[in-house]
Amino acid sequence: MREQPGGYRTIDRDTPEYDIAIPEGTVVGLFASLGLELTCSIQYGTWCGRAGGLTYQDVLIARKAASTR
């Protein structure tokens, strides 16, 4: 995968949505900045050859963080 402007990586510059990689810290930080919290640990996919993944893709499940009033 080749790094693209904006800090993500993709295989095909012309159709980046085909296959895109975003650093884990970037995604988790974006979730936090939007008021979202992970409900469980990240479920890593088998895309990189890892065995026993839930799916091919990595899976993150989040919910809106509880208000701190």
Protein backbone atom coordinates (compact mmCIF):
# COMPACT_ATOMS: atom_id res chain seq x y z
CA MET A 1 0.00 0.00 0.00
CA ARG A 2 1.25 3.44 -0.85
CA GLU A 3 0.91 6.41 1.48
CA GLN A 4 -1.37 9.17 0.20
CA PRO A 5 -1.81 12.79 1.22
CA GLY A 6 -3.88 12.86 4.39
CA GLY A 7 -2.02 10.06 6.18
CA TYR A 8 -3.82 7.02 4.79
CA ARG A 9 -2.61 4.25 2.50
CA THR A 10 -4.24 2.71 -0.53
CA ILE A 11 -3.45 0.26 -3.30
CA ASP A 12 -5.12 2.20 -6.11
CA ARG A 13 -4.78 5.99 -6.14
CA ASP A 14 -7.61 6.34 -8.69
CA THR A 15 -10.10 4.40 -6.56
CA PRO A 16 -8.84 4.68 -2.97
CA GLU A 17 -12.13 3.38 -1.57
CA TYR A 18 -11.28 -0.02 -3.07
CA ASP A 19 -8.71 -0.70 -0.36
CA ILE A 20 -7.76 1.84 2.29
CA ALA A 21 -5.68 1.67 5.45
CA ILE A 22 -5.83 4.25 8.21
CA PRO A 23 -3.51 4.07 11.23
CA GLU A 24 -5.27 2.69 14.31
CA GLY A 25 -4.34 5.72 16.42
CA THR A 26 -5.87 8.05 13.83
CA VAL A 27 -9.18 6.16 13.84
CA VAL A 28 -9.36 5.91 17.64
CA GLY A 29 -8.49 9.61 17.94
CA LEU A 30 -11.17 10.53 15.41
CA PHE A 31 -13.75 8.50 17.30
CA ALA A 32 -12.81 10.27 20.54
CA SER A 33 -12.98 13.70 18.90
CA LEU A 34 -16.51 12.87 17.76
CA GLY A 35 -17.61 11.82 21.23
CA LEU A 36 -17.52 8.10 20.51
CA GLU A 37 -16.05 5.38 22.71
CA LEU A 38 -15.12 1.83 21.78
CA THR A 39 -17.49 -0.70 23.35
CA CYS A 40 -14.99 -3.57 23.14
CA SER A 41 -11.47 -4.24 21.98
CA ILE A 42 -10.68 -3.89 18.29
CA GLN A 43 -11.38 -7.12 16.41
CA TYR A 44 -8.48 -7.44 13.98
CA GLY A 45 -9.24 -9.02 10.62
CA THR A 46 -7.52 -11.68 8.60
CA TRP A 47 -6.53 -9.29 5.76
CA CYS A 48 -2.86 -9.46 6.76
CA GLY A 49 -2.73 -13.25 7.10
CA ARG A 50 -3.70 -13.29 10.78
CA ALA A 51 -5.57 -16.45 11.76
CA GLY A 52 -8.81 -16.50 13.72
CA GLY A 53 -10.14 -13.09 12.79
CA LEU A 54 -13.83 -12.32 13.08
CA THR A 55 -13.90 -11.16 9.43
CA TYR A 56 -11.49 -10.18 6.70
CA GLN A 57 -11.67 -6.52 7.78
CA ASP A 58 -10.80 -5.01 11.15
CA VAL A 59 -13.96 -4.23 13.16
CA LEU A 60 -14.48 -1.38 15.63
CA ILE A 61 -17.76 -0.94 17.49
CA ALA A 62 -18.41 2.36 19.18
CA ARG A 63 -21.20 4.26 20.87
CA LYS A 64 -21.78 7.85 21.76
CA ALA A 65 -19.95 8.54 25.00
CA ALA A 66 -22.10 9.19 28.06
CA SER A 67 -22.53 12.88 28.85
CA THR A 68 -20.52 14.13 31.82
CA ARG A 69 -23.00 16.63 33.28
